[in-house]
Amino acid sequence: MKSRILFLVVLFPLVALAQQGDRKFLSSDLARTRNLPFSSGVLVGNTLYIAGTTADPDKIKAGLTPEAEARDIMEQIKATVSKAGMTMDDIVSMQVFTTDLNLYDAFNGVYRSYFKMNYPARAFIGGTKLLFGSRFEVLGLAVRKGT
């Protein structure tokens, strides 16, 4: 009986992983603690799809500067990319949504510090409102180098 239970404990996660194919679902600490209904990133083969990311809502309420908000977002993205076994240099495309296009320079000042040489393709898109009162939301796509 014990060997059957052990077999099921070992086999079940492997079957579940096989059913997902080569997809790996990544969740940030923020998404987990807030029980948000999405993954922070999904790794499919050598491609990572990075979900729209905002700063921590509690930090936003505390009055983050635009630069601090951008840094919080980029740190979360960096953590998601790292969980996929990649680096920020693997990011090939990003979309930045903002509630104020005048914050372009403030965002870029922080954004530049996360990339060594080549910047990802990017859009900077204005809108009226974002979740949690955020000024920015960033999503992206990363491809593991050498593929």
N, C-alpha and C. Protein backbone atom coordinates (compact mmCIF):
# COMPACT_ATOMS: atom_id res chain seq x y z
N MET A 1 0.82 -1.19 0.00
CA MET A 1 0.00 0.00 0.00
C MET A 1 0.87 1.26 0.00
N LYS A 2 1.91 1.27 0.86
CA LYS A 2 2.78 2.43 0.94
C LYS A 2 3.49 2.67 -0.39
N SER A 3 3.88 1.60 -1.07
CA SER A 3 4.57 1.77 -2.34
C SER A 3 3.63 2.34 -3.40
N ARG A 4 2.35 1.99 -3.34
CA ARG A 4 1.37 2.55 -4.28
C ARG A 4 1.18 4.05 -4.04
N ILE A 5 1.11 4.45 -2.80
CA ILE A 5 0.96 5.87 -2.46
C ILE A 5 2.20 6.64 -2.91
N LEU A 6 3.37 6.09 -2.62
CA LEU A 6 4.61 6.73 -3.05
C LEU A 6 4.66 6.84 -4.56
N PHE A 7 4.23 5.79 -5.26
CA PHE A 7 4.19 5.81 -6.72
C PHE A 7 3.28 6.93 -7.22
N LEU A 8 2.11 7.09 -6.61
CA LEU A 8 1.18 8.14 -7.02
C LEU A 8 1.72 9.53 -6.71
N VAL A 9 2.38 9.68 -5.57
CA VAL A 9 2.96 10.96 -5.19
C VAL A 9 4.04 11.37 -6.18
N VAL A 10 4.82 10.42 -6.65
CA VAL A 10 5.89 10.71 -7.60
C VAL A 10 5.33 10.84 -9.01
N LEU A 11 4.40 9.98 -9.39
CA LEU A 11 3.89 9.95 -10.76
C LEU A 11 2.97 11.11 -11.08
N PHE A 12 2.10 11.50 -10.16
CA PHE A 12 1.11 12.53 -10.46
C PHE A 12 1.72 13.84 -10.95
N PRO A 13 2.73 14.40 -10.28
CA PRO A 13 3.32 15.63 -10.80
C PRO A 13 3.93 15.46 -12.19
N LEU A 14 4.50 14.28 -12.47
CA LEU A 14 5.08 14.04 -13.78
C LEU A 14 4.01 13.99 -14.86
N VAL A 15 2.88 13.37 -14.56
CA VAL A 15 1.77 13.31 -15.52
C VAL A 15 1.23 14.71 -15.76
N ALA A 16 1.06 15.49 -14.70
CA ALA A 16 0.56 16.86 -14.84
C ALA A 16 1.51 17.69 -15.70
N LEU A 17 2.82 17.52 -15.50
CA LEU A 17 3.80 18.26 -16.28
C LEU A 17 3.75 17.83 -17.75
N ALA A 18 3.61 16.55 -17.98
CA ALA A 18 3.54 16.04 -19.36
C ALA A 18 2.31 16.59 -20.08
N GLN A 19 1.20 16.74 -19.37
CA GLN A 19 -0.02 17.26 -19.99
C GLN A 19 0.13 18.73 -20.38
N GLN A 20 1.02 19.45 -19.74
CA GLN A 20 1.25 20.85 -20.08
C GLN A 20 2.20 20.99 -21.26
N GLY A 21 2.71 19.88 -21.77
CA GLY A 21 3.69 19.95 -22.86
C GLY A 21 4.95 20.58 -22.34
N ASP A 22 5.51 21.49 -23.13
CA ASP A 22 6.75 22.13 -22.72
C ASP A 22 6.48 23.51 -22.12
N ARG A 23 5.32 23.70 -21.53
CA ARG A 23 4.98 24.97 -20.90
C ARG A 23 5.30 24.95 -19.42
N LYS A 24 5.84 26.07 -18.95
CA LYS A 24 6.12 26.22 -17.52
C LYS A 24 5.46 27.52 -17.07
N PHE A 25 4.59 27.43 -16.08
CA PHE A 25 3.86 28.59 -15.59
C PHE A 25 4.58 29.16 -14.38
N LEU A 26 4.93 30.43 -14.44
CA LEU A 26 5.69 31.09 -13.38
C LEU A 26 4.78 32.07 -12.64
N SER A 27 4.94 32.13 -11.34
CA SER A 27 4.12 33.04 -10.55
C SER A 27 5.02 33.87 -9.65
N SER A 28 4.76 35.17 -9.60
CA SER A 28 5.53 36.05 -8.73
C SER A 28 4.99 35.95 -7.30
N ASP A 29 5.79 36.39 -6.35
CA ASP A 29 5.34 36.43 -4.96
C ASP A 29 4.11 37.31 -4.83
N LEU A 30 4.11 38.46 -5.54
CA LEU A 30 2.98 39.38 -5.47
C LEU A 30 1.71 38.73 -6.00
N ALA A 31 1.79 38.04 -7.13
CA ALA A 31 0.62 37.37 -7.69
C ALA A 31 0.10 36.29 -6.75
N ARG A 32 1.03 35.55 -6.13
CA ARG A 32 0.62 34.48 -5.21
C ARG A 32 -0.03 35.04 -3.95
N THR A 33 0.58 36.05 -3.34
CA THR A 33 0.03 36.57 -2.09
C THR A 33 -1.30 37.27 -2.29
N ARG A 34 -1.53 37.82 -3.45
CA ARG A 34 -2.80 38.50 -3.73
C ARG A 34 -3.80 37.58 -4.44
N ASN A 35 -3.39 36.31 -4.64
CA ASN A 35 -4.25 35.31 -5.29
C ASN A 35 -4.79 35.83 -6.63
N LEU A 36 -3.91 36.39 -7.44
CA LEU A 36 -4.30 36.94 -8.74
C LEU A 36 -4.46 35.81 -9.76
N PRO A 37 -5.46 35.93 -10.66
CA PRO A 37 -5.79 34.83 -11.57
C PRO A 37 -4.96 34.82 -12.85
N PHE A 38 -3.65 34.94 -12.73
CA PHE A 38 -2.79 34.86 -13.92
C PHE A 38 -1.39 34.49 -13.49
N SER A 39 -0.61 34.04 -14.46
CA SER A 39 0.79 33.73 -14.24
C SER A 39 1.62 34.96 -14.55
N SER A 40 2.71 35.15 -13.85
CA SER A 40 3.61 36.28 -14.12
C SER A 40 4.34 36.08 -15.44
N GLY A 41 4.51 34.84 -15.79
CA GLY A 41 5.14 34.50 -17.06
C GLY A 41 4.83 33.07 -17.43
N VAL A 42 4.86 32.80 -18.73
CA VAL A 42 4.67 31.44 -19.21
C VAL A 42 5.82 31.14 -20.16
N LEU A 43 6.59 30.10 -19.82
CA LEU A 43 7.71 29.69 -20.64
C LEU A 43 7.24 28.56 -21.55
N VAL A 44 7.34 28.79 -22.85
CA VAL A 44 6.97 27.79 -23.84
C VAL A 44 8.21 27.54 -24.69
N GLY A 45 8.82 26.39 -24.48
CA GLY A 45 10.08 26.12 -25.17
C GLY A 45 11.13 27.12 -24.71
N ASN A 46 11.65 27.90 -25.63
CA ASN A 46 12.66 28.91 -25.32
C ASN A 46 12.11 30.33 -25.30
N THR A 47 10.78 30.45 -25.32
CA THR A 47 10.14 31.76 -25.34
C THR A 47 9.39 32.00 -24.04
N LEU A 48 9.63 33.15 -23.44
CA LEU A 48 8.95 33.54 -22.20
C LEU A 48 7.98 34.68 -22.49
N TYR A 49 6.73 34.47 -22.18
CA TYR A 49 5.69 35.50 -22.30
C TYR A 49 5.53 36.13 -20.92
N ILE A 50 5.86 37.41 -20.81
CA ILE A 50 5.84 38.11 -19.52
C ILE A 50 4.53 38.87 -19.40
N ALA A 51 3.76 38.57 -18.36
CA ALA A 51 2.46 39.20 -18.15
C ALA A 51 2.60 40.68 -17.86
N GLY A 52 1.52 41.41 -18.08
CA GLY A 52 1.48 42.81 -17.70
C GLY A 52 1.82 42.94 -16.22
N THR A 53 2.75 43.82 -15.91
CA THR A 53 3.28 43.95 -14.55
C THR A 53 3.15 45.38 -14.08
N THR A 54 2.57 45.56 -12.91
CA THR A 54 2.47 46.88 -12.27
C THR A 54 3.29 46.84 -10.98
N ALA A 55 3.50 47.99 -10.40
CA ALA A 55 4.16 48.04 -9.10
C ALA A 55 3.24 47.45 -8.04
N ASP A 56 3.81 47.08 -6.93
CA ASP A 56 3.07 46.55 -5.79
C ASP A 56 2.03 47.58 -5.36
N PRO A 57 0.74 47.22 -5.34
CA PRO A 57 -0.32 48.18 -4.98
C PRO A 57 -0.11 48.85 -3.62
N ASP A 58 0.44 48.12 -2.64
CA ASP A 58 0.70 48.73 -1.33
C ASP A 58 1.75 49.82 -1.43
N LYS A 59 2.76 49.61 -2.27
CA LYS A 59 3.79 50.63 -2.47
C LYS A 59 3.23 51.83 -3.22
N ILE A 60 2.34 51.58 -4.18
CA ILE A 60 1.71 52.68 -4.91
C ILE A 60 0.92 53.56 -3.94
N LYS A 61 0.13 52.93 -3.06
CA LYS A 61 -0.65 53.67 -2.07
C LYS A 61 0.24 54.49 -1.15
N ALA A 62 1.45 53.99 -0.90
CA ALA A 62 2.38 54.69 -0.01
C ALA A 62 3.01 55.91 -0.69
N GLY A 63 2.76 56.08 -1.99
CA GLY A 63 3.22 57.29 -2.66
C GLY A 63 4.55 57.16 -3.39
N LEU A 64 4.71 56.10 -4.15
CA LEU A 64 5.94 55.94 -4.94
C LEU A 64 6.13 57.09 -5.93
N THR A 65 7.37 57.46 -6.15
CA THR A 65 7.69 58.38 -7.25
C THR A 65 7.56 57.59 -8.55
N PRO A 66 7.43 58.26 -9.68
CA PRO A 66 7.40 57.52 -10.95
C PRO A 66 8.63 56.64 -11.14
N GLU A 67 9.79 57.13 -10.76
CA GLU A 67 11.02 56.35 -10.91
C GLU A 67 11.00 55.10 -10.01
N ALA A 68 10.54 55.25 -8.78
CA ALA A 68 10.47 54.11 -7.86
C ALA A 68 9.44 53.09 -8.35
N GLU A 69 8.36 53.58 -8.93
CA GLU A 69 7.36 52.68 -9.49
C GLU A 69 7.93 51.90 -10.67
N ALA A 70 8.64 52.59 -11.55
CA ALA A 70 9.27 51.92 -12.70
C ALA A 70 10.28 50.87 -12.21
N ARG A 71 11.05 51.20 -11.20
CA ARG A 71 12.05 50.27 -10.67
C ARG A 71 11.37 49.03 -10.07
N ASP A 72 10.29 49.21 -9.33
CA ASP A 72 9.57 48.08 -8.75
C ASP A 72 9.08 47.14 -9.86
N ILE A 73 8.54 47.71 -10.92
CA ILE A 73 8.07 46.91 -12.05
C ILE A 73 9.22 46.15 -12.70
N MET A 74 10.30 46.84 -12.97
CA MET A 74 11.43 46.20 -13.64
C MET A 74 12.05 45.11 -12.76
N GLU A 75 12.06 45.30 -11.45
CA GLU A 75 12.57 44.27 -10.55
C GLU A 75 11.67 43.03 -10.58
N GLN A 76 10.37 43.23 -10.64
CA GLN A 76 9.45 42.09 -10.75
C GLN A 76 9.67 41.34 -12.06
N ILE A 77 9.84 42.09 -13.15
CA ILE A 77 10.09 41.46 -14.44
C ILE A 77 11.41 40.70 -14.40
N LYS A 78 12.42 41.30 -13.82
CA LYS A 78 13.73 40.64 -13.69
C LYS A 78 13.58 39.33 -12.92
N ALA A 79 12.79 39.31 -11.86
CA ALA A 79 12.57 38.09 -11.08
C ALA A 79 11.86 37.02 -11.91
N THR A 80 10.88 37.43 -12.71
CA THR A 80 10.16 36.48 -13.56
C THR A 80 11.10 35.89 -14.61
N VAL A 81 11.90 36.74 -15.23
CA VAL A 81 12.86 36.30 -16.24
C VAL A 81 13.88 35.34 -15.61
N SER A 82 14.31 35.65 -14.42
CA SER A 82 15.27 34.80 -13.71
C SER A 82 14.67 33.43 -13.40
N LYS A 83 13.40 33.39 -12.99
CA LYS A 83 12.73 32.12 -12.70
C LYS A 83 12.67 31.24 -13.94
N ALA A 84 12.69 31.85 -15.11
CA ALA A 84 12.67 31.09 -16.37
C ALA A 84 14.07 30.68 -16.80
N GLY A 85 15.09 31.02 -15.99
CA GLY A 85 16.46 30.69 -16.32
C GLY A 85 17.06 31.59 -17.38
N MET A 86 16.54 32.81 -17.47
CA MET A 86 16.99 33.78 -18.46
C MET A 86 17.53 35.02 -17.76
N THR A 87 18.02 35.95 -18.57
CA THR A 87 18.45 37.25 -18.07
C THR A 87 17.67 38.34 -18.79
N MET A 88 17.83 39.55 -18.34
CA MET A 88 17.16 40.69 -18.98
C MET A 88 17.62 40.85 -20.43
N ASP A 89 18.81 40.39 -20.74
CA ASP A 89 19.32 40.47 -22.11
C ASP A 89 18.57 39.53 -23.06
N ASP A 90 17.78 38.61 -22.52
CA ASP A 90 16.98 37.72 -23.37
C ASP A 90 15.65 38.37 -23.79
N ILE A 91 15.31 39.49 -23.19
CA ILE A 91 14.06 40.17 -23.55
C ILE A 91 14.21 40.79 -24.93
N VAL A 92 13.26 40.50 -25.82
CA VAL A 92 13.33 41.01 -27.19
C VAL A 92 12.27 42.06 -27.49
N SER A 93 11.22 42.11 -26.69
CA SER A 93 10.14 43.06 -26.95
C SER A 93 9.43 43.42 -25.65
N MET A 94 9.06 44.70 -25.52
CA MET A 94 8.31 45.15 -24.35
C MET A 94 7.27 46.18 -24.78
N GLN A 95 6.18 46.21 -24.04
CA GLN A 95 5.16 47.24 -24.21
C GLN A 95 4.96 47.90 -22.87
N VAL A 96 5.05 49.22 -22.87
CA VAL A 96 4.88 50.00 -21.65
C VAL A 96 3.60 50.81 -21.81
N PHE A 97 2.68 50.61 -20.89
CA PHE A 97 1.45 51.41 -20.87
C PHE A 97 1.60 52.42 -19.75
N THR A 98 1.15 53.64 -19.99
CA THR A 98 1.28 54.69 -18.98
C THR A 98 0.03 55.55 -18.95
N THR A 99 -0.23 56.13 -17.80
CA THR A 99 -1.36 57.06 -17.67
C THR A 99 -0.91 58.49 -17.97
N ASP A 100 0.38 58.69 -18.17
CA ASP A 100 0.90 60.03 -18.42
C ASP A 100 2.13 59.96 -19.33
N LEU A 101 1.96 60.32 -20.59
CA LEU A 101 3.07 60.26 -21.55
C LEU A 101 4.21 61.20 -21.18
N ASN A 102 3.95 62.17 -20.31
CA ASN A 102 5.01 63.06 -19.84
C ASN A 102 6.02 62.35 -18.94
N LEU A 103 5.72 61.14 -18.53
CA LEU A 103 6.63 60.36 -17.68
C LEU A 103 7.61 59.51 -18.50
N TYR A 104 7.66 59.73 -19.80
CA TYR A 104 8.54 59.00 -20.71
C TYR A 104 9.99 59.05 -20.24
N ASP A 105 10.51 60.23 -19.96
CA ASP A 105 11.91 60.37 -19.55
C ASP A 105 12.16 59.73 -18.18
N ALA A 106 11.22 59.89 -17.25
CA ALA A 106 11.38 59.29 -15.92
C ALA A 106 11.44 57.77 -16.04
N PHE A 107 10.57 57.19 -16.85
CA PHE A 107 10.56 55.74 -17.03
C PHE A 107 11.87 55.29 -17.69
N ASN A 108 12.27 55.99 -18.74
CA ASN A 108 13.47 55.60 -19.48
C ASN A 108 14.73 55.65 -18.62
N GLY A 109 14.80 56.59 -17.70
CA GLY A 109 15.96 56.69 -16.82
C GLY A 109 16.18 55.41 -16.04
N VAL A 110 15.10 54.80 -15.60
CA VAL A 110 15.17 53.54 -14.86
C VAL A 110 15.34 52.37 -15.83
N TYR A 111 14.56 52.35 -16.88
CA TYR A 111 14.55 51.26 -17.86
C TYR A 111 15.93 50.99 -18.43
N ARG A 112 16.65 52.04 -18.78
CA ARG A 112 17.99 51.89 -19.37
C ARG A 112 18.94 51.09 -18.47
N SER A 113 18.80 51.25 -17.17
CA SER A 113 19.72 50.60 -16.24
C SER A 113 19.55 49.07 -16.19
N TYR A 114 18.51 48.54 -16.80
CA TYR A 114 18.25 47.10 -16.77
C TYR A 114 18.78 46.35 -17.99
N PHE A 115 19.39 47.07 -18.92
CA PHE A 115 19.89 46.45 -20.14
C PHE A 115 21.33 46.87 -20.38
N LYS A 116 22.17 45.91 -20.79
CA LYS A 116 23.60 46.18 -20.96
C LYS A 116 23.91 46.91 -22.26
N MET A 117 23.39 46.43 -23.38
CA MET A 117 23.78 47.02 -24.65
C MET A 117 22.58 47.22 -25.57
N ASN A 118 22.07 46.13 -26.09
CA ASN A 118 20.96 46.22 -27.03
C ASN A 118 19.64 46.27 -26.28
N TYR A 119 18.82 47.23 -26.63
CA TYR A 119 17.50 47.36 -26.00
C TYR A 119 16.48 46.54 -26.77
N PRO A 120 15.48 46.02 -26.05
CA PRO A 120 14.39 45.30 -26.73
C PRO A 120 13.59 46.27 -27.60
N ALA A 121 12.90 45.75 -28.60
CA ALA A 121 11.91 46.54 -29.32
C ALA A 121 10.87 46.96 -28.28
N ARG A 122 10.31 48.17 -28.42
CA ARG A 122 9.42 48.63 -27.36
C ARG A 122 8.40 49.63 -27.87
N ALA A 123 7.25 49.63 -27.23
CA ALA A 123 6.23 50.64 -27.46
C ALA A 123 5.96 51.33 -26.12
N PHE A 124 5.65 52.60 -26.16
CA PHE A 124 5.28 53.38 -24.96
C PHE A 124 3.90 53.95 -25.26
N ILE A 125 2.88 53.42 -24.61
CA ILE A 125 1.49 53.67 -25.00
C ILE A 125 0.75 54.40 -23.88
N GLY A 126 0.08 55.49 -24.23
CA GLY A 126 -0.68 56.26 -23.25
C GLY A 126 -2.11 55.76 -23.12
N GLY A 127 -2.63 55.87 -21.92
CA GLY A 127 -4.02 55.50 -21.63
C GLY A 127 -4.52 56.32 -20.45
N THR A 128 -5.73 56.08 -20.05
CA THR A 128 -6.30 56.90 -18.98
C THR A 128 -6.16 56.29 -17.59
N LYS A 129 -6.35 54.97 -17.46
CA LYS A 129 -6.29 54.33 -16.15
C LYS A 129 -5.61 52.98 -16.26
N LEU A 130 -4.91 52.61 -15.18
CA LEU A 130 -4.33 51.28 -15.06
C LEU A 130 -4.72 50.70 -13.71
N LEU A 131 -4.63 49.40 -13.58
CA LEU A 131 -4.99 48.73 -12.32
C LEU A 131 -4.21 49.28 -11.13
N PHE A 132 -4.86 49.28 -10.00
CA PHE A 132 -4.27 49.63 -8.71
C PHE A 132 -3.78 51.08 -8.64
N GLY A 133 -4.20 51.92 -9.61
CA GLY A 133 -3.74 53.31 -9.62
C GLY A 133 -2.31 53.45 -10.11
N SER A 134 -1.82 52.42 -10.77
CA SER A 134 -0.45 52.43 -11.28
C SER A 134 -0.29 53.45 -12.40
N ARG A 135 0.91 54.02 -12.50
CA ARG A 135 1.24 54.91 -13.62
C ARG A 135 1.72 54.13 -14.83
N PHE A 136 2.28 52.92 -14.59
CA PHE A 136 2.86 52.10 -15.65
C PHE A 136 2.39 50.65 -15.52
N GLU A 137 2.29 50.00 -16.67
CA GLU A 137 2.15 48.55 -16.73
C GLU A 137 3.03 48.10 -17.89
N VAL A 138 3.82 47.07 -17.65
CA VAL A 138 4.81 46.63 -18.65
C VAL A 138 4.62 45.13 -18.90
N LEU A 139 4.62 44.76 -20.17
CA LEU A 139 4.61 43.35 -20.53
C LEU A 139 5.69 43.10 -21.56
N GLY A 140 6.08 41.85 -21.71
CA GLY A 140 7.20 41.60 -22.61
C GLY A 140 7.28 40.19 -23.12
N LEU A 141 8.30 39.99 -23.94
CA LEU A 141 8.58 38.71 -24.56
C LEU A 141 10.09 38.50 -24.52
N ALA A 142 10.51 37.33 -24.07
CA ALA A 142 11.93 37.00 -24.01
C ALA A 142 12.16 35.70 -24.76
N VAL A 143 13.31 35.62 -25.43
CA VAL A 143 13.70 34.39 -26.13
C VAL A 143 15.12 34.04 -25.67
N ARG A 144 15.26 32.81 -25.21
CA ARG A 144 16.57 32.36 -24.72
C ARG A 144 17.59 32.46 -25.84
N LYS A 145 18.74 33.05 -25.52
CA LYS A 145 19.82 33.22 -26.50
C LYS A 145 20.27 31.87 -27.04
N GLY A 146 20.71 31.91 -28.29
CA GLY A 146 21.23 30.70 -28.90
C GLY A 146 20.16 29.85 -29.55
N THR A 147 18.93 30.36 -29.64
CA THR A 147 17.86 29.59 -30.27
C THR A 147 17.37 30.28 -31.51
